[in-house]
């Protein structure tokens, strides 16, 4: 097995392949864990962990706790911890691959036909590696445009923010998708003034509308300026200030600008076309539900496929690819069971059927929403924003999706995820015990309210 890319899609695939008896080589340019561990998911969620703590402290007085003095974040120290944790996670992955006798080559690779990989090592070495199976897991990188080029100092992509030693005085975040919303919320909690520029009419246009509305209300209530239906035309730096000009002629000036404009797959110069691997819209690799490309013996996993740009999906795609290639039992990827989470405050977790699918008639399902404000544990913790929503089939009551908005929604969604993957009914979920008091009690309460005689 030759695996190009050492992120979740690559290293998880390598572990499965080694367990099944294959000889595995992983080629990774920047470091094991890829961008997920080194510059994206792990660093951002580490930064957000600090922001969450400050957010909790800001609401401490309503719980009877007096805070005196200035409680603030040292961004230099925070980013130092971020980088340290990312490197430690990468080292953990390296040790695990070494334990399983998986060869790792630091360098870049491209296809040299359908069954051979040409490797250029970071040390200047070259190698031609024959392989029975090739997995491409090269990930993606931040999208930039010519009118808003990052300089790594004042105009930044989400991979560059960890070089900041001091908190931005006024951060302008361009892009209100998951990445933009997460960083906007984090820096606001850390103490920066934040303006969020959204080309759509609300934040998180791809998420549940009810959930997005809750988050936008929290953002604006907390002092963030959210500029809806405002499309960026250009970003210009002038010394220590940056100016974001909008297509309608308006402009906003701040100290820093964070660009969250989406991602571009790392599929250029890989020799894909000559090897017979088809690319779809946007340069993403076309794959089926077991991660096969259009060329026999070549698989792909992760963000370079554009299936769902989540680390968990990349890892699952990689594991499925190796199981399929090596003849082991395999269950094709089921997108209807994928769980995702937006790490804002409150968090937004979703699984399965969405409100949009129901509204458009794609699927027949009933829904019920229950606010967290009435949950006893939420009252004790001073939580007033958030809800639980379940989707169930009419007649059978089988749960096919759900949304949780609230603190640690990423943990609360697991019960709903189990219900979706196991096709549990609302009655089965309602009859399972929950702790009193607990946030998870609201999941059971929604299920109880969906019961029909």
Protein backbone atom coordinates (compact mmCIF):
# COMPACT_ATOMS: atom_id res chain seq x y z
CA UNK A 1 0.00 0.00 0.00
CA UNK A 2 1.23 3.47 -0.91
CA UNK A 3 -0.61 6.23 0.93
CA UNK A 4 -0.07 9.81 -0.21
CA UNK A 5 -0.89 12.07 2.72
CA UNK A 6 -0.56 11.54 6.45
CA UNK A 7 -3.71 13.24 7.74
CA UNK A 8 -6.67 11.37 9.26
CA UNK A 9 -7.60 9.78 5.93
CA UNK A 10 -4.03 8.60 5.44
CA UNK A 11 -2.81 7.50 8.85
CA UNK A 12 -6.08 5.80 9.84
CA UNK A 13 -5.98 3.91 6.53
CA UNK A 14 -2.38 2.91 7.19
CA UNK A 15 -3.27 1.47 10.60
CA UNK A 16 -6.09 -0.63 9.14
CA UNK A 17 -3.93 -1.86 6.27
CA UNK A 18 -1.11 -2.85 8.64
CA UNK A 19 -3.56 -4.65 10.93
CA UNK A 20 -4.77 -6.63 7.91
CA UNK A 21 -1.22 -7.67 7.01
CA UNK A 22 -0.25 -5.25 4.25
CA UNK A 23 3.14 -3.62 3.79
CA UNK A 24 2.44 0.11 4.06
CA UNK A 25 4.32 3.26 3.09
CA UNK A 26 2.94 6.70 4.00
CA UNK A 27 4.32 9.77 2.22
CA UNK A 28 3.66 13.04 4.04
CA UNK A 29 5.15 16.43 3.24
CA UNK A 30 4.54 18.55 6.34
CA UNK A 31 4.12 16.17 9.28
CA UNK A 32 1.92 13.30 10.38
CA UNK A 33 -1.61 14.37 11.15
CA UNK A 34 -1.58 16.71 8.16
CA UNK A 35 -3.34 20.05 8.28
CA UNK A 36 -6.02 18.60 10.58
CA UNK A 37 -3.51 18.17 13.39
CA UNK A 38 -0.91 20.82 12.58
CA UNK A 39 -2.79 23.85 11.24
CA UNK A 40 -6.54 23.27 11.29
CA UNK A 41 -8.77 21.19 13.55
CA UNK A 42 -6.52 20.46 16.54
CA UNK A 43 -5.07 24.01 16.77
CA UNK A 44 -8.41 25.76 16.30
CA UNK A 45 -10.21 23.63 18.88
CA UNK A 46 -7.34 24.16 21.34
CA UNK A 47 -7.69 27.92 20.87
CA UNK A 48 -11.45 27.61 21.26
CA UNK A 49 -10.99 25.68 24.53
CA UNK A 50 -9.35 28.77 26.03
CA UNK A 51 -12.08 30.98 24.60
CA UNK A 52 -14.75 28.70 26.10
CA UNK A 53 -13.17 29.04 29.55
CA UNK A 54 -13.22 32.83 29.31
CA UNK A 55 -16.80 32.67 28.08
CA UNK A 56 -17.74 30.60 31.15
CA UNK A 57 -15.97 33.07 33.45
CA UNK A 58 -17.85 35.99 31.89
CA UNK A 59 -21.11 34.44 33.07
CA UNK A 60 -19.89 33.47 36.52
CA UNK A 61 -21.61 36.29 38.39
CA UNK A 62 -25.07 34.90 37.67
CA UNK A 63 -23.95 31.75 39.52
CA UNK A 64 -23.00 33.80 42.58
CA UNK A 65 -19.27 34.03 41.84
CA UNK A 66 -17.61 37.43 42.23
CA UNK A 67 -14.74 38.03 39.84
CA UNK A 68 -12.31 40.83 40.65
CA UNK A 69 -9.46 42.19 38.60
CA UNK A 70 -8.79 41.80 34.90
CA UNK A 71 -9.22 38.27 33.61
CA UNK A 72 -7.78 38.15 30.11
CA UNK A 73 -5.99 35.89 27.67
CA UNK A 74 -2.30 36.08 26.81
CA UNK A 75 -2.60 35.25 23.11
CA UNK A 76 1.11 34.59 22.78
CA UNK A 77 0.95 31.99 25.55
CA UNK A 78 -2.28 30.56 24.14
CA UNK A 79 -0.76 30.12 20.68
CA UNK A 80 2.39 28.63 22.17
CA UNK A 81 0.21 26.00 23.84
CA UNK A 82 -1.71 25.48 20.59
CA UNK A 83 1.45 24.72 18.62
CA UNK A 84 2.87 22.54 21.38
CA UNK A 85 -0.28 20.40 21.55
CA UNK A 86 -0.43 20.06 17.75
CA UNK A 87 3.17 18.86 17.58
CA UNK A 88 2.59 16.46 20.47
CA UNK A 89 -0.44 14.97 18.70
CA UNK A 90 1.62 14.56 15.52
CA UNK A 91 4.35 12.82 17.51
CA UNK A 92 1.77 10.46 19.05
CA UNK A 93 0.64 9.46 15.56
CA UNK A 94 4.24 8.89 14.48
CA UNK A 95 4.85 6.58 17.44
CA UNK A 96 1.73 4.57 16.66
CA UNK A 97 2.69 4.11 13.02
CA UNK A 98 6.20 3.10 14.04
CA UNK A 99 4.78 0.57 16.50
CA UNK A 100 2.77 -1.01 13.69
CA UNK A 101 5.88 -1.10 11.45
CA UNK A 102 4.49 1.37 8.94
CA UNK A 103 7.12 3.11 6.86
CA UNK A 104 6.86 6.90 6.77
CA UNK A 105 8.63 9.01 4.14
CA UNK A 106 8.89 12.78 4.62
CA UNK A 107 8.35 14.26 1.19
CA UNK A 108 5.95 14.68 -1.70
CA UNK A 109 4.62 12.08 -4.09
CA UNK A 110 2.78 11.90 -7.38
CA UNK A 111 1.33 9.06 -9.42
CA UNK A 112 3.65 7.60 -12.04
CA UNK A 113 0.96 5.56 -13.74
CA UNK A 114 -1.78 3.51 -12.06
CA UNK A 115 0.50 1.33 -9.90
CA UNK A 116 3.58 3.37 -9.15
CA UNK A 117 4.39 6.42 -7.02
CA UNK A 118 7.29 8.80 -7.63
CA UNK A 119 8.60 10.19 -4.34
CA UNK A 120 10.74 13.29 -3.75
CA UNK A 121 12.00 13.25 -0.18
CA UNK A 122 12.39 16.41 1.84
CA UNK A 123 16.05 15.43 2.12
CA UNK A 124 16.47 15.58 -1.67
CA UNK A 125 16.22 11.83 -2.27
CA UNK A 126 14.08 10.28 -5.00
CA UNK A 127 12.33 6.93 -5.17
CA UNK A 128 10.00 5.02 -7.44
CA UNK A 129 7.63 2.90 -5.36
CA UNK A 130 5.52 0.14 -6.90
CA UNK A 131 2.23 -0.51 -5.11
CA UNK A 132 -0.69 -2.90 -5.47
CA UNK A 133 -3.01 -0.25 -4.05
CA UNK A 134 -2.63 3.54 -3.84
CA UNK A 135 -4.62 5.81 -1.53
CA UNK A 136 -4.66 9.55 -2.14
CA UNK A 137 -5.35 11.56 1.02
CA UNK A 138 -3.78 14.91 0.24
CA UNK A 139 -6.37 17.15 1.91
CA UNK A 140 -7.08 20.77 1.00
CA UNK A 141 -5.79 24.27 1.65
CA UNK A 142 -7.44 27.65 2.36
CA UNK A 143 -8.94 29.40 -0.62
CA UNK A 144 -7.63 32.89 -1.33
CA UNK A 145 -8.47 35.41 -4.04
CA UNK A 146 -6.24 37.91 -5.84
CA UNK A 147 -8.07 40.87 -4.35
CA UNK A 148 -7.42 39.71 -0.79
CA UNK A 149 -4.00 38.09 -0.58
CA UNK A 150 -2.84 37.11 2.93
CA UNK A 151 0.46 38.50 4.20
CA UNK A 152 0.67 36.35 7.35
CA UNK A 153 0.73 39.43 9.60
CA UNK A 154 -2.44 41.48 9.28
CA UNK A 155 -4.32 39.61 6.55
CA UNK A 156 -4.47 35.97 7.57
CA UNK A 157 -5.85 32.58 6.67
CA UNK A 158 -6.95 30.27 9.47
CA UNK A 159 -3.60 28.45 9.19
CA UNK A 160 -1.66 31.65 9.97
CA UNK A 161 -3.40 32.99 13.08
CA UNK A 162 -1.18 31.03 15.48
CA UNK A 163 1.76 33.38 14.84
CA UNK A 164 -0.07 36.26 16.54
CA UNK A 165 1.59 37.30 19.79
CA UNK A 166 -1.05 39.83 20.85
CA UNK A 167 -4.81 39.91 20.59
CA UNK A 168 -6.12 41.82 17.55
CA UNK A 169 -7.67 45.13 18.52
CA UNK A 170 -10.37 44.73 15.86
CA UNK A 171 -10.59 41.50 13.88
CA UNK A 172 -12.65 41.42 10.68
CA UNK A 173 -13.65 37.87 9.78
CA UNK A 174 -14.65 37.43 6.14
CA UNK A 175 -16.84 34.37 5.68
CA UNK A 176 -19.63 33.14 7.95
CA UNK A 177 -19.38 29.40 7.35
CA UNK A 178 -18.21 27.02 10.06
CA UNK A 179 -14.59 28.23 10.10
CA UNK A 180 -15.51 31.92 10.09
CA UNK A 181 -18.14 31.52 12.82
CA UNK A 182 -15.83 29.47 15.04
CA UNK A 183 -12.96 31.98 14.88
CA UNK A 184 -15.26 34.99 15.19
CA UNK A 185 -16.79 33.54 18.35
CA UNK A 186 -13.42 32.51 19.77
CA UNK A 187 -11.71 35.86 19.31
CA UNK A 188 -14.74 37.70 20.68
CA UNK A 189 -14.56 35.54 23.82
CA UNK A 190 -10.81 36.16 24.05
CA UNK A 191 -11.53 39.89 24.22
CA UNK A 192 -11.13 41.21 20.69
CA UNK A 193 -13.59 43.46 18.94
CA UNK A 194 -14.97 41.36 16.06
CA UNK A 195 -16.84 42.15 12.87
CA UNK A 196 -18.18 39.19 10.91
CA UNK A 197 -18.75 39.80 7.19
CA UNK A 198 -21.27 37.40 5.71
CA UNK A 199 -22.22 37.24 2.04
CA UNK A 200 -25.44 35.44 3.03
CA UNK A 201 -28.44 36.67 4.99
CA UNK A 202 -27.37 34.80 8.13
CA UNK A 203 -24.36 33.12 9.69
CA UNK A 204 -23.81 29.40 9.04
CA UNK A 205 -25.91 29.24 5.87
CA UNK A 206 -25.24 25.51 5.55
CA UNK A 207 -26.48 24.63 9.04
CA UNK A 208 -29.93 24.26 10.60
CA UNK A 209 -31.62 27.67 10.28
CA UNK A 210 -33.02 27.60 13.82
CA UNK A 211 -29.58 26.81 15.21
CA UNK A 212 -27.92 29.51 13.13
CA UNK A 213 -30.44 32.08 14.35
CA UNK A 214 -29.68 31.21 17.97
CA UNK A 215 -25.95 31.63 17.36
CA UNK A 216 -26.34 34.93 15.53
CA UNK A 217 -28.48 36.25 18.37
CA UNK A 218 -25.77 35.23 20.87
CA UNK A 219 -23.10 36.88 18.72
CA UNK A 220 -24.90 40.20 18.39
CA UNK A 221 -26.04 40.21 22.02
CA UNK A 222 -22.41 39.80 23.04
CA UNK A 223 -21.31 42.84 21.04
CA UNK A 224 -20.18 41.30 17.76
CA UNK A 225 -21.08 43.20 14.61
CA UNK A 226 -22.56 40.82 12.04
CA UNK A 227 -22.79 42.29 8.55
CA UNK A 228 -25.27 40.15 6.62
CA UNK A 229 -25.66 40.06 2.82
CA UNK A 230 -22.29 41.80 2.56
CA UNK A 231 -19.96 40.37 -0.08
CA UNK A 232 -16.25 41.18 0.11
CA UNK A 233 -14.69 42.81 -2.93
CA UNK A 234 -11.15 43.35 -1.65
CA UNK A 235 -8.94 43.55 1.43
CA UNK A 236 -6.15 46.12 1.59
CA UNK A 237 -3.49 46.70 4.24
CA UNK A 238 -2.18 50.14 5.11
CA UNK A 239 0.44 49.90 7.82
CA UNK A 240 -1.25 48.65 10.97
CA UNK A 241 -4.78 48.75 9.61
CA UNK A 242 -6.70 46.69 7.08
CA UNK A 243 -9.72 47.78 5.09
CA UNK A 244 -12.32 45.37 3.76
CA UNK A 245 -14.23 46.86 0.84
CA UNK A 246 -17.63 45.41 0.00
CA UNK A 247 -19.21 45.06 -3.41
CA UNK A 248 -21.88 47.63 -2.53
CA UNK A 249 -19.23 50.29 -1.91
CA UNK A 250 -19.22 50.16 1.87
CA UNK A 251 -16.03 49.42 3.78
CA UNK A 252 -14.96 48.39 7.27
CA UNK A 253 -11.55 49.04 8.82
CA UNK A 254 -9.84 47.02 11.53
CA UNK A 255 -6.44 45.94 12.79
CA UNK A 256 -6.53 42.41 11.30
CA UNK A 257 -8.53 40.42 8.79
CA UNK A 258 -9.14 36.68 8.87
CA UNK A 259 -10.11 35.12 5.54
CA UNK A 260 -12.46 32.15 5.79
CA UNK A 261 -13.38 31.71 2.14
CA UNK A 262 -13.51 27.94 1.87
CA UNK A 263 -11.01 25.30 0.78
CA UNK A 264 -9.28 24.13 -2.40
CA UNK A 265 -8.43 20.40 -2.79
CA UNK A 266 -4.76 19.48 -3.03
CA UNK A 267 -5.11 17.58 -6.29
CA UNK A 268 -2.91 19.58 -8.66
CA UNK A 269 0.35 18.06 -9.95
CA UNK A 270 -0.43 14.59 -8.62
CA UNK A 271 -0.50 12.89 -12.00
CA UNK A 272 -4.16 11.98 -11.55
CA UNK A 273 -5.29 12.55 -15.11
CA UNK A 274 -2.51 10.50 -16.68
CA UNK A 275 -3.27 7.66 -14.26
CA UNK A 276 -6.94 7.68 -15.25
CA UNK A 277 -8.37 9.26 -12.09
CA UNK A 278 -11.31 11.56 -12.83
CA UNK A 279 -11.79 14.90 -11.12
CA UNK A 280 -15.19 16.45 -10.50
CA UNK A 281 -16.31 20.03 -9.97
CA UNK A 282 -13.78 22.18 -8.16
CA UNK A 283 -10.94 19.71 -8.71
CA UNK A 284 -12.17 17.18 -6.16
CA UNK A 285 -11.45 13.49 -6.77
CA UNK A 286 -14.51 11.48 -7.74
CA UNK A 287 -15.06 8.51 -5.40
CA UNK A 288 -17.82 6.02 -4.61
CA UNK A 289 -19.07 4.93 -1.18
CA UNK A 290 -16.10 2.59 -0.63
CA UNK A 291 -13.58 5.31 -1.61
CA UNK A 292 -12.74 3.93 -5.06
CA UNK A 293 -11.72 6.41 -7.74
CA UNK A 294 -12.42 5.84 -11.43
CA UNK A 295 -9.14 3.90 -11.74
CA UNK A 296 -8.96 0.36 -10.40
CA UNK A 297 -6.52 0.04 -7.50
CA UNK A 298 -6.52 3.76 -6.69
CA UNK A 299 -8.59 5.03 -3.78
CA UNK A 300 -9.02 8.50 -2.26
CA UNK A 301 -10.10 9.79 1.14
CA UNK A 302 -10.63 13.05 2.94
CA UNK A 303 -10.95 16.67 1.90
CA UNK A 304 -9.46 16.03 -1.54
CA UNK A 305 -12.68 14.13 -2.37
CA UNK A 306 -15.02 16.91 -1.22
CA UNK A 307 -17.52 14.35 0.13
CA UNK A 308 -17.84 16.01 3.53
CA UNK A 309 -14.86 18.01 4.71
CA UNK A 310 -14.66 16.57 8.22
CA UNK A 311 -11.74 14.77 9.87
CA UNK A 312 -14.07 11.99 11.01
CA UNK A 313 -15.28 11.42 7.43
CA UNK A 314 -11.71 11.41 6.11
CA UNK A 315 -10.73 8.77 8.66
CA UNK A 316 -13.77 6.64 7.87
CA UNK A 317 -13.13 6.90 4.13
CA UNK A 318 -9.55 5.80 4.65
CA UNK A 319 -10.50 2.83 6.81
CA UNK A 320 -13.22 1.76 4.36
CA UNK A 321 -10.76 2.00 1.44
CA UNK A 322 -8.24 -0.34 3.02
CA UNK A 323 -10.84 -2.84 4.19
CA UNK A 324 -12.30 -2.95 0.68
CA UNK A 325 -8.92 -3.20 -1.04
CA UNK A 326 -7.78 -6.04 1.21
CA UNK A 327 -11.01 -8.03 1.03
CA UNK A 328 -12.11 -7.49 4.61
CA UNK A 329 -15.72 -6.96 5.66
CA UNK A 330 -16.69 -3.42 4.71
CA UNK A 331 -19.70 -1.16 5.23
CA UNK A 332 -19.96 1.62 2.64
CA UNK A 333 -19.99 5.22 3.83
CA UNK A 334 -23.46 6.33 4.94
CA UNK A 335 -23.66 10.11 4.84
CA UNK A 336 -26.99 10.04 6.66
CA UNK A 337 -25.17 8.88 9.80
CA UNK A 338 -22.38 11.46 9.76
CA UNK A 339 -22.20 13.65 12.86
CA UNK A 340 -20.85 17.18 12.65
CA UNK A 341 -20.29 19.95 15.15
CA UNK A 342 -19.70 23.67 15.04
CA UNK A 343 -17.43 24.62 17.95
CA UNK A 344 -18.99 27.95 18.81
CA UNK A 345 -20.61 29.02 22.07
CA UNK A 346 -23.18 27.53 22.06
CA UNK A 347 -22.04 24.54 20.02
CA UNK A 348 -24.21 23.24 17.19
CA UNK A 349 -24.24 19.47 16.59
CA UNK A 350 -26.18 17.71 13.87
CA UNK A 351 -26.73 14.20 12.54
CA UNK A 352 -28.81 12.69 9.76
CA UNK A 353 -31.89 14.33 8.26
CA UNK A 354 -31.96 18.14 8.19
CA UNK A 355 -34.77 20.66 8.42
CA UNK A 356 -34.00 21.74 4.85
CA UNK A 357 -34.54 18.18 3.58
CA UNK A 358 -37.91 18.03 5.34
CA UNK A 359 -39.00 21.47 4.12
CA UNK A 360 -38.06 20.65 0.52
CA UNK A 361 -39.89 17.33 0.64
CA UNK A 362 -36.74 15.24 0.14
CA UNK A 363 -37.77 13.09 3.08
CA UNK A 364 -40.99 12.63 5.02
CA UNK A 365 -40.31 13.28 8.68
CA UNK A 366 -41.86 14.98 11.67
CA UNK A 367 -39.87 17.18 14.04
CA UNK A 368 -40.17 18.55 17.52
CA UNK A 369 -38.00 21.20 19.16
CA UNK A 370 -37.52 21.80 22.89
CA UNK A 371 -35.59 24.76 24.27
CA UNK A 372 -32.91 24.17 26.89
CA UNK A 373 -34.12 27.08 28.99
CA UNK A 374 -36.58 24.77 30.77
CA UNK A 375 -34.01 22.06 31.47
CA UNK A 376 -33.20 21.96 35.23
CA UNK A 377 -29.47 21.35 34.69
CA UNK A 378 -29.37 24.25 32.22
CA UNK A 379 -30.98 26.50 34.82
CA UNK A 380 -28.39 25.45 37.41
CA UNK A 381 -25.56 26.25 35.01
CA UNK A 382 -27.03 29.54 33.83
CA UNK A 383 -27.64 28.27 30.29
CA UNK A 384 -30.47 29.97 28.45
CA UNK A 385 -29.58 29.56 24.77
CA UNK A 386 -30.04 26.32 22.88
CA UNK A 387 -32.43 23.53 22.06
CA UNK A 388 -32.84 19.88 21.11
CA UNK A 389 -34.62 18.96 17.87
CA UNK A 390 -35.41 15.44 16.69
CA UNK A 391 -36.65 14.21 13.32
CA UNK A 392 -38.65 10.97 13.16
CA UNK A 393 -40.53 9.00 10.54
CA UNK A 394 -44.30 9.44 10.78
CA UNK A 395 -46.03 6.24 11.79
CA UNK A 396 -42.97 4.22 12.86
CA UNK A 397 -41.38 6.93 14.99
CA UNK A 398 -37.88 5.88 13.84
CA UNK A 399 -35.41 8.69 14.57
CA UNK A 400 -33.65 9.81 11.39
CA UNK A 401 -31.91 12.97 12.50
CA UNK A 402 -31.38 15.56 15.17
CA UNK A 403 -29.91 18.92 16.15
CA UNK A 404 -28.49 19.89 19.53
CA UNK A 405 -27.57 23.49 20.31
CA UNK A 406 -25.95 24.15 23.65
CA UNK A 407 -22.82 23.74 25.74
CA UNK A 408 -20.90 20.57 24.78
CA UNK A 409 -23.43 19.73 22.09
CA UNK A 410 -20.64 17.66 20.53
CA UNK A 411 -21.00 15.26 23.46
CA UNK A 412 -24.80 15.37 23.71
CA UNK A 413 -25.30 14.45 20.04
CA UNK A 414 -23.83 10.97 20.52
CA UNK A 415 -27.06 9.57 21.92
CA UNK A 416 -28.96 10.91 18.92
CA UNK A 417 -26.28 9.52 16.60
CA UNK A 418 -26.70 6.05 18.13
CA UNK A 419 -30.45 6.32 17.66
CA UNK A 420 -30.02 7.24 13.98
CA UNK A 421 -27.45 4.53 13.20
CA UNK A 422 -29.44 1.83 15.04
CA UNK A 423 -32.84 3.00 13.71
CA UNK A 424 -34.23 3.43 17.22
CA UNK A 425 -37.73 4.80 17.69
CA UNK A 426 -38.69 7.78 19.80
CA UNK A 427 -40.30 5.38 22.29
CA UNK A 428 -37.09 3.39 22.67
CA UNK A 429 -35.11 6.56 23.32
CA UNK A 430 -37.78 7.86 25.70
CA UNK A 431 -37.70 4.64 27.76
CA UNK A 432 -33.92 4.71 28.24
CA UNK A 433 -32.88 6.15 31.60
CA UNK A 434 -31.18 9.53 31.77
CA UNK A 435 -29.49 11.15 34.75
CA UNK A 436 -31.51 13.77 36.62
CA UNK A 437 -30.64 16.56 36.29
CA UNK A 438 -28.80 16.46 32.99
CA UNK A 439 -28.74 18.18 29.63
CA UNK A 440 -29.23 14.80 27.98
CA UNK A 441 -32.59 14.63 29.74
CA UNK A 442 -33.87 17.03 27.09
CA UNK A 443 -33.19 14.47 24.36
CA UNK A 444 -35.37 11.95 26.18
CA UNK A 445 -38.01 14.60 26.83
CA UNK A 446 -38.29 15.45 23.14
CA UNK A 447 -38.64 11.75 22.37
CA UNK A 448 -41.40 11.42 24.99
CA UNK A 449 -43.27 14.34 23.49
CA UNK A 450 -43.14 12.68 20.05
CA UNK A 451 -44.88 9.53 21.31
CA UNK A 452 -48.16 8.61 19.65
CA UNK A 453 -50.79 6.13 20.90
